[in-house]
Amino acid sequence: MLILFYILRKQLGKESAKKVLRKLRILLHIIDSSEAVLDKALNSDFLDFEAAVQYYTVLEQGINVILTRNLRDYKNASVIVQTPETYLVSKGLIGT
């Protein structure tokens, strides 16, 4: 949410960014990353630290899919990795 707020604030301004995030927050469940996740990420072979934190958080939480625009960060993932668009198509929420 922090990165999203940063991007939205630059595009829309502070108050509009907060308004968008309030709406988005209704749809999302925010999960925490533990110290163990951070340790695994720091000691992993991932080239991108943020991707490593996301990956190990997903594993810790029992989530089976990662949505990302950067598929190459997750080449050896043991969970499904898809772009947001591919995911939405696979769920029949948008057309191809």
PDB file of N, CA and C in Angstrom:
ATOM      1  N   MET A   1       0.818  -1.188   0.000  1.00  0.00           N
ATOM      2  CA  MET A   1       0.000   0.000   0.000  1.00  0.00           C
ATOM      3  C   MET A   1       0.869   1.262   0.000  1.00  0.00           C
ATOM      4  N   LEU A   2       2.029   1.176   0.622  1.00  0.00           N
ATOM      5  CA  LEU A   2       2.885   2.358   0.683  1.00  0.00           C
ATOM      6  C   LEU A   2       3.379   2.775  -0.698  1.00  0.00           C
ATOM      7  N   ILE A   3       3.826   1.807  -1.462  1.00  0.00           N
ATOM      8  CA  ILE A   3       4.318   2.119  -2.804  1.00  0.00           C
ATOM      9  C   ILE A   3       3.174   2.623  -3.678  1.00  0.00           C
ATOM     10  N   LEU A   4       2.023   1.993  -3.553  1.00  0.00           N
ATOM     11  CA  LEU A   4       0.860   2.422  -4.323  1.00  0.00           C
ATOM     12  C   LEU A   4       0.461   3.847  -3.955  1.00  0.00           C
ATOM     13  N   PHE A   5       0.473   4.160  -2.655  1.00  0.00           N
ATOM     14  CA  PHE A   5       0.154   5.523  -2.229  1.00  0.00           C
ATOM     15  C   PHE A   5       1.140   6.518  -2.834  1.00  0.00           C
ATOM     16  N   TYR A   6       2.409   6.172  -2.802  1.00  0.00           N
ATOM     17  CA  TYR A   6       3.442   7.044  -3.362  1.00  0.00           C
ATOM     18  C   TYR A   6       3.161   7.347  -4.835  1.00  0.00           C
ATOM     19  N   ILE A   7       2.842   6.306  -5.591  1.00  0.00           N
ATOM     20  CA  ILE A   7       2.571   6.476  -7.025  1.00  0.00           C
ATOM     21  C   ILE A   7       1.299   7.295  -7.239  1.00  0.00           C
ATOM     22  N   LEU A   8       0.234   6.933  -6.519  1.00  0.00           N
ATOM     23  CA  LEU A   8      -1.036   7.646  -6.677  1.00  0.00           C
ATOM     24  C   LEU A   8      -0.924   9.109  -6.252  1.00  0.00           C
ATOM     25  N   ARG A   9      -0.199   9.367  -5.175  1.00  0.00           N
ATOM     26  CA  ARG A   9      -0.043  10.743  -4.696  1.00  0.00           C
ATOM     27  C   ARG A   9       0.624  11.606  -5.756  1.00  0.00           C
ATOM     28  N   LYS A  10       1.616  11.068  -6.430  1.00  0.00           N
ATOM     29  CA  LYS A  10       2.289  11.828  -7.485  1.00  0.00           C
ATOM     30  C   LYS A  10       1.350  12.108  -8.654  1.00  0.00           C
ATOM     31  N   GLN A  11       0.459  11.157  -8.941  1.00  0.00           N
ATOM     32  CA  GLN A  11      -0.451  11.289 -10.089  1.00  0.00           C
ATOM     33  C   GLN A  11      -1.710  12.094  -9.743  1.00  0.00           C
ATOM     34  N   LEU A  12      -2.253  11.866  -8.531  1.00  0.00           N
ATOM     35  CA  LEU A  12      -3.570  12.401  -8.194  1.00  0.00           C
ATOM     36  C   LEU A  12      -3.579  13.449  -7.087  1.00  0.00           C
ATOM     37  N   GLY A  13      -2.510  13.528  -6.325  1.00  0.00           N
ATOM     38  CA  GLY A  13      -2.498  14.373  -5.144  1.00  0.00           C
ATOM     39  C   GLY A  13      -2.828  13.544  -3.907  1.00  0.00           C
ATOM     40  N   LYS A  14      -2.481  14.069  -2.754  1.00  0.00           N
ATOM     41  CA  LYS A  14      -2.589  13.332  -1.489  1.00  0.00           C
ATOM     42  C   LYS A  14      -4.008  12.881  -1.169  1.00  0.00           C
ATOM     43  N   GLU A  15      -4.956  13.781  -1.193  1.00  0.00           N
ATOM     44  CA  GLU A  15      -6.328  13.438  -0.783  1.00  0.00           C
ATOM     45  C   GLU A  15      -6.996  12.465  -1.756  1.00  0.00           C
ATOM     46  N   SER A  16      -6.787  12.663  -3.051  1.00  0.00           N
ATOM     47  CA  SER A  16      -7.357  11.733  -4.028  1.00  0.00           C
ATOM     48  C   SER A  16      -6.717  10.359  -3.907  1.00  0.00           C
ATOM     49  N   ALA A  17      -5.419  10.314  -3.632  1.00  0.00           N
ATOM     50  CA  ALA A  17      -4.731   9.037  -3.438  1.00  0.00           C
ATOM     51  C   ALA A  17      -5.311   8.297  -2.238  1.00  0.00           C
ATOM     52  N   LYS A  18      -5.549   9.015  -1.161  1.00  0.00           N
ATOM     53  CA  LYS A  18      -6.143   8.394   0.033  1.00  0.00           C
ATOM     54  C   LYS A  18      -7.543   7.872  -0.270  1.00  0.00           C
ATOM     55  N   LYS A  19      -8.312   8.622  -1.037  1.00  0.00           N
ATOM     56  CA  LYS A  19      -9.660   8.202  -1.392  1.00  0.00           C
ATOM     57  C   LYS A  19      -9.637   6.893  -2.181  1.00  0.00           C
ATOM     58  N   VAL A  20      -8.728   6.792  -3.149  1.00  0.00           N
ATOM     59  CA  VAL A  20      -8.586   5.571  -3.943  1.00  0.00           C
ATOM     60  C   VAL A  20      -8.188   4.399  -3.046  1.00  0.00           C
ATOM     61  N   LEU A  21      -7.235   4.621  -2.149  1.00  0.00           N
ATOM     62  CA  LEU A  21      -6.775   3.546  -1.270  1.00  0.00           C
ATOM     63  C   LEU A  21      -7.854   3.103  -0.285  1.00  0.00           C
ATOM     64  N   ARG A  22      -8.684   4.028   0.167  1.00  0.00           N
ATOM     65  CA  ARG A  22      -9.804   3.640   1.042  1.00  0.00           C
ATOM     66  C   ARG A  22     -10.746   2.686   0.315  1.00  0.00           C
ATOM     67  N   LYS A  23     -11.027   2.964  -0.946  1.00  0.00           N
ATOM     68  CA  LYS A  23     -11.884   2.081  -1.742  1.00  0.00           C
ATOM     69  C   LYS A  23     -11.210   0.738  -1.981  1.00  0.00           C
ATOM     70  N   LEU A  24      -9.946   0.771  -2.323  1.00  0.00           N
ATOM     71  CA  LEU A  24      -9.197  -0.454  -2.580  1.00  0.00           C
ATOM     72  C   LEU A  24      -9.090  -1.304  -1.314  1.00  0.00           C
ATOM     73  N   ARG A  25      -8.932  -0.660  -0.194  1.00  0.00           N
ATOM     74  CA  ARG A  25      -8.783  -1.356   1.089  1.00  0.00           C
ATOM     75  C   ARG A  25     -10.010  -2.209   1.416  1.00  0.00           C
ATOM     76  N   ILE A  26     -11.163  -1.823   0.954  1.00  0.00           N
ATOM     77  CA  ILE A  26     -12.390  -2.601   1.166  1.00  0.00           C
ATOM     78  C   ILE A  26     -12.268  -3.969   0.486  1.00  0.00           C
ATOM     79  N   LEU A  27     -11.550  -4.012  -0.628  1.00  0.00           N
ATOM     80  CA  LEU A  27     -11.422  -5.240  -1.410  1.00  0.00           C
ATOM     81  C   LEU A  27     -10.252  -6.121  -0.988  1.00  0.00           C
ATOM     82  N   LEU A  28      -9.291  -5.555  -0.283  1.00  0.00           N
ATOM     83  CA  LEU A  28      -8.054  -6.263   0.022  1.00  0.00           C
ATOM     84  C   LEU A  28      -7.950  -6.652   1.486  1.00  0.00           C
ATOM     85  N   HIS A  29      -7.227  -7.729   1.716  1.00  0.00           N
ATOM     86  CA  HIS A  29      -6.849  -8.126   3.067  1.00  0.00           C
ATOM     87  C   HIS A  29      -5.337  -7.966   3.153  1.00  0.00           C
ATOM     88  N   ILE A  30      -4.864  -7.141   4.057  1.00  0.00           N
ATOM     89  CA  ILE A  30      -3.440  -6.862   4.188  1.00  0.00           C
ATOM     90  C   ILE A  30      -2.824  -7.881   5.145  1.00  0.00           C
ATOM     91  N   ILE A  31      -1.705  -8.474   4.733  1.00  0.00           N
ATOM     92  CA  ILE A  31      -1.022  -9.443   5.585  1.00  0.00           C
ATOM     93  C   ILE A  31       0.347  -8.900   5.975  1.00  0.00           C
ATOM     94  N   ASP A  32       0.842  -9.383   7.103  1.00  0.00           N
ATOM     95  CA  ASP A  32       2.142  -8.950   7.613  1.00  0.00           C
ATOM     96  C   ASP A  32       3.250  -9.866   7.123  1.00  0.00           C
ATOM     97  N   SER A  33       4.448  -9.324   7.068  1.00  0.00           N
ATOM     98  CA  SER A  33       5.647 -10.118   6.837  1.00  0.00           C
ATOM     99  C   SER A  33       6.366 -10.257   8.175  1.00  0.00           C
ATOM    100  N   SER A  34       6.795 -11.452   8.469  1.00  0.00           N
ATOM    101  CA  SER A  34       7.440 -11.715   9.753  1.00  0.00           C
ATOM    102  C   SER A  34       8.948 -11.512   9.670  1.00  0.00           C
ATOM    103  N   GLU A  35       9.586 -11.553  10.821  1.00  0.00           N
ATOM    104  CA  GLU A  35      11.046 -11.494  10.854  1.00  0.00           C
ATOM    105  C   GLU A  35      11.643 -12.685  10.111  1.00  0.00           C
ATOM    106  N   ALA A  36      11.026 -13.847  10.251  1.00  0.00           N
ATOM    107  CA  ALA A  36      11.511 -15.052   9.562  1.00  0.00           C
ATOM    108  C   ALA A  36      11.473 -14.858   8.052  1.00  0.00           C
ATOM    109  N   VAL A  37      10.406 -14.224   7.550  1.00  0.00           N
ATOM    110  CA  VAL A  37      10.301 -13.944   6.112  1.00  0.00           C
ATOM    111  C   VAL A  37      11.434 -13.028   5.676  1.00  0.00           C
ATOM    112  N   LEU A  38      11.678 -11.978   6.445  1.00  0.00           N
ATOM    113  CA  LEU A  38      12.752 -11.047   6.084  1.00  0.00           C
ATOM    114  C   LEU A  38      14.109 -11.743   6.101  1.00  0.00           C
ATOM    115  N   ASP A  39      14.336 -12.614   7.075  1.00  0.00           N
ATOM    116  CA  ASP A  39      15.597 -13.363   7.130  1.00  0.00           C
ATOM    117  C   ASP A  39      15.746 -14.267   5.914  1.00  0.00           C
ATOM    118  N   LYS A  40      14.669 -14.952   5.538  1.00  0.00           N
ATOM    119  CA  LYS A  40      14.722 -15.813   4.350  1.00  0.00           C
ATOM    120  C   LYS A  40      15.002 -14.986   3.096  1.00  0.00           C
ATOM    121  N   ALA A  41      14.349 -13.841   2.997  1.00  0.00           N
ATOM    122  CA  ALA A  41      14.553 -12.978   1.831  1.00  0.00           C
ATOM    123  C   ALA A  41      15.990 -12.469   1.765  1.00  0.00           C
ATOM    124  N   LEU A  42      16.530 -12.079   2.902  1.00  0.00           N
ATOM    125  CA  LEU A  42      17.905 -11.575   2.936  1.00  0.00           C
ATOM    126  C   LEU A  42      18.925 -12.644   2.573  1.00  0.00           C
ATOM    127  N   ASN A  43      18.602 -13.881   2.862  1.00  0.00           N
ATOM    128  CA  ASN A  43      19.533 -14.982   2.609  1.00  0.00           C
ATOM    129  C   ASN A  43      19.189 -15.785   1.353  1.00  0.00           C
ATOM    130  N   SER A  44      18.284 -15.283   0.554  1.00  0.00           N
ATOM    131  CA  SER A  44      17.843 -16.009  -0.641  1.00  0.00           C
ATOM    132  C   SER A  44      18.705 -15.669  -1.847  1.00  0.00           C
ATOM    133  N   ASP A  45      18.464 -16.396  -2.929  1.00  0.00           N
ATOM    134  CA  ASP A  45      19.153 -16.146  -4.188  1.00  0.00           C
ATOM    135  C   ASP A  45      18.399 -15.163  -5.081  1.00  0.00           C
ATOM    136  N   PHE A  46      17.289 -14.619  -4.585  1.00  0.00           N
ATOM    137  CA  PHE A  46      16.528 -13.640  -5.373  1.00  0.00           C
ATOM    138  C   PHE A  46      17.407 -12.438  -5.669  1.00  0.00           C
ATOM    139  N   LEU A  47      17.330 -11.932  -6.871  1.00  0.00           N
ATOM    140  CA  LEU A  47      18.055 -10.718  -7.230  1.00  0.00           C
ATOM    141  C   LEU A  47      17.337  -9.471  -6.719  1.00  0.00           C
ATOM    142  N   ASP A  48      16.014  -9.580  -6.576  1.00  0.00           N
ATOM    143  CA  ASP A  48      15.188  -8.455  -6.149  1.00  0.00           C
ATOM    144  C   ASP A  48      14.682  -8.722  -4.730  1.00  0.00           C
ATOM    145  N   PHE A  49      15.099  -7.897  -3.767  1.00  0.00           N
ATOM    146  CA  PHE A  49      14.729  -8.102  -2.368  1.00  0.00           C
ATOM    147  C   PHE A  49      13.216  -8.035  -2.161  1.00  0.00           C
ATOM    148  N   GLU A  50      12.561  -7.073  -2.795  1.00  0.00           N
ATOM    149  CA  GLU A  50      11.107  -6.928  -2.662  1.00  0.00           C
ATOM    150  C   GLU A  50      10.390  -8.194  -3.136  1.00  0.00           C
ATOM    151  N   ALA A  51      10.839  -8.749  -4.246  1.00  0.00           N
ATOM    152  CA  ALA A  51      10.247  -9.988  -4.760  1.00  0.00           C
ATOM    153  C   ALA A  51      10.466 -11.132  -3.775  1.00  0.00           C
ATOM    154  N   ALA A  52      11.630 -11.183  -3.171  1.00  0.00           N
ATOM    155  CA  ALA A  52      11.921 -12.227  -2.185  1.00  0.00           C
ATOM    156  C   ALA A  52      11.000 -12.112  -0.974  1.00  0.00           C
ATOM    157  N   VAL A  53      10.790 -10.906  -0.490  1.00  0.00           N
ATOM    158  CA  VAL A  53       9.888 -10.702   0.652  1.00  0.00           C
ATOM    159  C   VAL A  53       8.474 -11.132   0.275  1.00  0.00           C
ATOM    160  N   GLN A  54       8.022 -10.746  -0.899  1.00  0.00           N
ATOM    161  CA  GLN A  54       6.686 -11.137  -1.345  1.00  0.00           C
ATOM    162  C   GLN A  54       6.578 -12.657  -1.459  1.00  0.00           C
ATOM    163  N   TYR A  55       7.578 -13.284  -2.040  1.00  0.00           N
ATOM    164  CA  TYR A  55       7.554 -14.728  -2.230  1.00  0.00           C
ATOM    165  C   TYR A  55       7.492 -15.473  -0.897  1.00  0.00           C
ATOM    166  N   TYR A  56       8.356 -15.133   0.032  1.00  0.00           N
ATOM    167  CA  TYR A  56       8.372 -15.848   1.311  1.00  0.00           C
ATOM    168  C   TYR A  56       7.167 -15.511   2.187  1.00  0.00           C
ATOM    169  N   THR A  57       6.608 -14.330   2.012  1.00  0.00           N
ATOM    170  CA  THR A  57       5.358 -13.994   2.702  1.00  0.00           C
ATOM    171  C   THR A  57       4.222 -14.870   2.190  1.00  0.00           C
ATOM    172  N   VAL A  58       4.153 -15.022   0.873  1.00  0.00           N
ATOM    173  CA  VAL A  58       3.137 -15.876   0.252  1.00  0.00           C
ATOM    174  C   VAL A  58       3.256 -17.307   0.784  1.00  0.00           C
ATOM    175  N   LEU A  59       4.477 -17.827   0.825  1.00  0.00           N
ATOM    176  CA  LEU A  59       4.671 -19.187   1.326  1.00  0.00           C
ATOM    177  C   LEU A  59       4.247 -19.309   2.785  1.00  0.00           C
ATOM    178  N   GLU A  60       4.635 -18.344   3.601  1.00  0.00           N
ATOM    179  CA  GLU A  60       4.302 -18.374   5.031  1.00  0.00           C
ATOM    180  C   GLU A  60       2.795 -18.306   5.260  1.00  0.00           C
ATOM    181  N   GLN A  61       2.098 -17.555   4.423  1.00  0.00           N
ATOM    182  CA  GLN A  61       0.663 -17.349   4.590  1.00  0.00           C
ATOM    183  C   GLN A  61      -0.184 -18.422   3.900  1.00  0.00           C
ATOM    184  N   GLY A  62       0.446 -19.329   3.164  1.00  0.00           N
ATOM    185  CA  GLY A  62      -0.296 -20.385   2.477  1.00  0.00           C
ATOM    186  C   GLY A  62      -1.047 -19.902   1.248  1.00  0.00           C
ATOM    187  N   ILE A  63      -0.589 -18.838   0.659  1.00  0.00           N
ATOM    188  CA  ILE A  63      -1.203 -18.288  -0.551  1.00  0.00           C
ATOM    189  C   ILE A  63      -0.609 -19.016  -1.752  1.00  0.00           C
ATOM    190  N   ASN A  64      -1.418 -19.288  -2.769  1.00  0.00           N
ATOM    191  CA  ASN A  64      -0.920 -20.111  -3.874  1.00  0.00           C
ATOM    192  C   ASN A  64      -0.707 -19.363  -5.186  1.00  0.00           C
ATOM    193  N   VAL A  65      -0.804 -18.039  -5.172  1.00  0.00           N
ATOM    194  CA  VAL A  65      -0.585 -17.288  -6.413  1.00  0.00           C
ATOM    195  C   VAL A  65       0.031 -15.927  -6.089  1.00  0.00           C
ATOM    196  N   ILE A  66       0.948 -15.513  -6.945  1.00  0.00           N
ATOM    197  CA  ILE A  66       1.551 -14.181  -6.870  1.00  0.00           C
ATOM    198  C   ILE A  66       1.169 -13.456  -8.150  1.00  0.00           C
ATOM    199  N   LEU A  67       0.653 -12.244  -8.017  1.00  0.00           N
ATOM    200  CA  LEU A  67       0.340 -11.413  -9.177  1.00  0.00           C
ATOM    201  C   LEU A  67       1.419 -10.351  -9.303  1.00  0.00           C
ATOM    202  N   THR A  68       2.043 -10.306 -10.467  1.00  0.00           N
ATOM    203  CA  THR A  68       3.144  -9.375 -10.695  1.00  0.00           C
ATOM    204  C   THR A  68       3.290  -9.089 -12.178  1.00  0.00           C
ATOM    205  N   ARG A  69       3.834  -7.938 -12.486  1.00  0.00           N
ATOM    206  CA  ARG A  69       4.157  -7.643 -13.881  1.00  0.00           C
ATOM    207  C   ARG A  69       5.556  -8.142 -14.221  1.00  0.00           C
ATOM    208  N   ASN A  70       6.312  -8.534 -13.206  1.00  0.00           N
ATOM    209  CA  ASN A  70       7.696  -8.945 -13.408  1.00  0.00           C
ATOM    210  C   ASN A  70       7.851 -10.442 -13.145  1.00  0.00           C
ATOM    211  N   LEU A  71       7.433 -11.250 -14.085  1.00  0.00           N
ATOM    212  CA  LEU A  71       7.447 -12.703 -13.933  1.00  0.00           C
ATOM    213  C   LEU A  71       8.856 -13.263 -13.767  1.00  0.00           C
ATOM    214  N   ARG A  72       9.836 -12.621 -14.349  1.00  0.00           N
ATOM    215  CA  ARG A  72      11.190 -13.177 -14.323  1.00  0.00           C
ATOM    216  C   ARG A  72      11.787 -13.238 -12.910  1.00  0.00           C
ATOM    217  N   ASP A  73      11.278 -12.447 -11.977  1.00  0.00           N
ATOM    218  CA  ASP A  73      11.782 -12.505 -10.599  1.00  0.00           C
ATOM    219  C   ASP A  73      11.412 -13.805  -9.898  1.00  0.00           C
ATOM    220  N   TYR A  74      10.458 -14.531 -10.450  1.00  0.00           N
ATOM    221  CA  TYR A  74       9.921 -15.718  -9.783  1.00  0.00           C
ATOM    222  C   TYR A  74      10.106 -16.989 -10.615  1.00  0.00           C
ATOM    223  N   LYS A  75      11.204 -17.093 -11.341  1.00  0.00           N
ATOM    224  CA  LYS A  75      11.439 -18.219 -12.246  1.00  0.00           C
ATOM    225  C   LYS A  75      11.331 -19.572 -11.552  1.00  0.00           C
ATOM    226  N   ASN A  76      11.813 -19.675 -10.333  1.00  0.00           N
ATOM    227  CA  ASN A  76      11.847 -20.955  -9.621  1.00  0.00           C
ATOM    228  C   ASN A  76      10.787 -21.063  -8.530  1.00  0.00           C
ATOM    229  N   ALA A  77       9.736 -20.300  -8.650  1.00  0.00           N
ATOM    230  CA  ALA A  77       8.693 -20.272  -7.616  1.00  0.00           C
ATOM    231  C   ALA A  77       7.949 -21.593  -7.535  1.00  0.00           C
ATOM    232  N   SER A  78       7.541 -21.934  -6.323  1.00  0.00           N
ATOM    233  CA  SER A  78       6.756 -23.154  -6.114  1.00  0.00           C
ATOM    234  C   SER A  78       5.260 -22.848  -6.034  1.00  0.00           C
ATOM    235  N   VAL A  79       4.893 -21.616  -6.381  1.00  0.00           N
ATOM    236  CA  VAL A  79       3.487 -21.217  -6.446  1.00  0.00           C
ATOM    237  C   VAL A  79       3.220 -20.668  -7.841  1.00  0.00           C
ATOM    238  N   ILE A  80       1.952 -20.481  -8.163  1.00  0.00           N
ATOM    239  CA  ILE A  80       1.575 -19.914  -9.461  1.00  0.00           C
ATOM    240  C   ILE A  80       1.969 -18.438  -9.486  1.00  0.00           C
ATOM    241  N   VAL A  81       2.579 -18.017 -10.569  1.00  0.00           N
ATOM    242  CA  VAL A  81       2.952 -16.611 -10.745  1.00  0.00           C
ATOM    243  C   VAL A  81       2.350 -16.138 -12.066  1.00  0.00           C
ATOM    244  N   GLN A  82       1.516 -15.093 -11.992  1.00  0.00           N
ATOM    245  CA  GLN A  82       0.818 -14.589 -13.174  1.00  0.00           C
ATOM    246  C   GLN A  82       0.821 -13.072 -13.187  1.00  0.00           C
ATOM    247  N   THR A  83       0.645 -12.524 -14.375  1.00  0.00           N
ATOM    248  CA  THR A  83       0.401 -11.087 -14.452  1.00  0.00           C
ATOM    249  C   THR A  83      -1.025 -10.841 -13.967  1.00  0.00           C
ATOM    250  N   PRO A  84      -1.316  -9.645 -13.491  1.00  0.00           N
ATOM    251  CA  PRO A  84      -2.700  -9.347 -13.095  1.00  0.00           C
ATOM    252  C   PRO A  84      -3.699  -9.596 -14.229  1.00  0.00           C
ATOM    253  N   GLU A  85      -3.313  -9.239 -15.449  1.00  0.00           N
ATOM    254  CA  GLU A  85      -4.203  -9.427 -16.596  1.00  0.00           C
ATOM    255  C   GLU A  85      -4.502 -10.908 -16.831  1.00  0.00           C
ATOM    256  N   THR A  86      -3.468 -11.739 -16.797  1.00  0.00           N
ATOM    257  CA  THR A  86      -3.651 -13.178 -16.994  1.00  0.00           C
ATOM    258  C   THR A  86      -4.548 -13.765 -15.916  1.00  0.00           C
ATOM    259  N   TYR A  87      -4.351 -13.322 -14.701  1.00  0.00           N
ATOM    260  CA  TYR A  87      -5.175 -13.797 -13.589  1.00  0.00           C
ATOM    261  C   TYR A  87      -6.648 -13.437 -13.810  1.00  0.00           C
ATOM    262  N   LEU A  88      -6.905 -12.184 -14.172  1.00  0.00           N
ATOM    263  CA  LEU A  88      -8.288 -11.741 -14.381  1.00  0.00           C
ATOM    264  C   LEU A  88      -8.942 -12.498 -15.528  1.00  0.00           C
ATOM    265  N   VAL A  89      -8.197 -12.751 -16.588  1.00  0.00           N
ATOM    266  CA  VAL A  89      -8.727 -13.550 -17.703  1.00  0.00           C
ATOM    267  C   VAL A  89      -9.029 -14.962 -17.229  1.00  0.00           C
ATOM    268  N   SER A  90      -8.113 -15.557 -16.463  1.00  0.00           N
ATOM    269  CA  SER A  90      -8.301 -16.936 -16.004  1.00  0.00           C
ATOM    270  C   SER A  90      -9.515 -17.082 -15.093  1.00  0.00           C
ATOM    271  N   LYS A  91      -9.901 -16.002 -14.434  1.00  0.00           N
ATOM    272  CA  LYS A  91     -11.072 -16.021 -13.556  1.00  0.00           C
ATOM    273  C   LYS A  91     -12.331 -15.561 -14.273  1.00  0.00           C
ATOM    274  N   GLY A  92     -12.212 -15.258 -15.567  1.00  0.00           N
ATOM    275  CA  GLY A  92     -13.361 -14.821 -16.349  1.00  0.00           C
ATOM    276  C   GLY A  92     -13.839 -13.414 -16.012  1.00  0.00           C
ATOM    277  N   LEU A  93     -12.964 -12.616 -15.411  1.00  0.00           N
ATOM    278  CA  LEU A  93     -13.358 -11.271 -15.001  1.00  0.00           C
ATOM    279  C   LEU A  93     -13.144 -10.228 -16.101  1.00  0.00           C
ATOM    280  N   ILE A  94     -12.267 -10.577 -17.053  1.00  0.00           N
ATOM    281  CA  ILE A  94     -12.096  -9.731 -18.237  1.00  0.00           C
ATOM    282  C   ILE A  94     -11.903 -10.653 -19.431  1.00  0.00           C
ATOM    283  N   GLY A  95     -12.137 -10.135 -20.621  1.00  0.00           N
ATOM    284  CA  GLY A  95     -11.952 -10.913 -21.843  1.00  0.00           C
ATOM    285  C   GLY A  95     -10.509 -10.886 -22.308  1.00  0.00           C
ATOM    286  N   THR A  96     -10.206 -11.749 -23.236  1.00  0.00           N
ATOM    287  CA  THR A  96      -8.833 -11.799 -23.777  1.00  0.00           C
ATOM    288  C   THR A  96      -8.598 -10.754 -24.827  1.00  0.00           C
TER     289      THR A  96
END
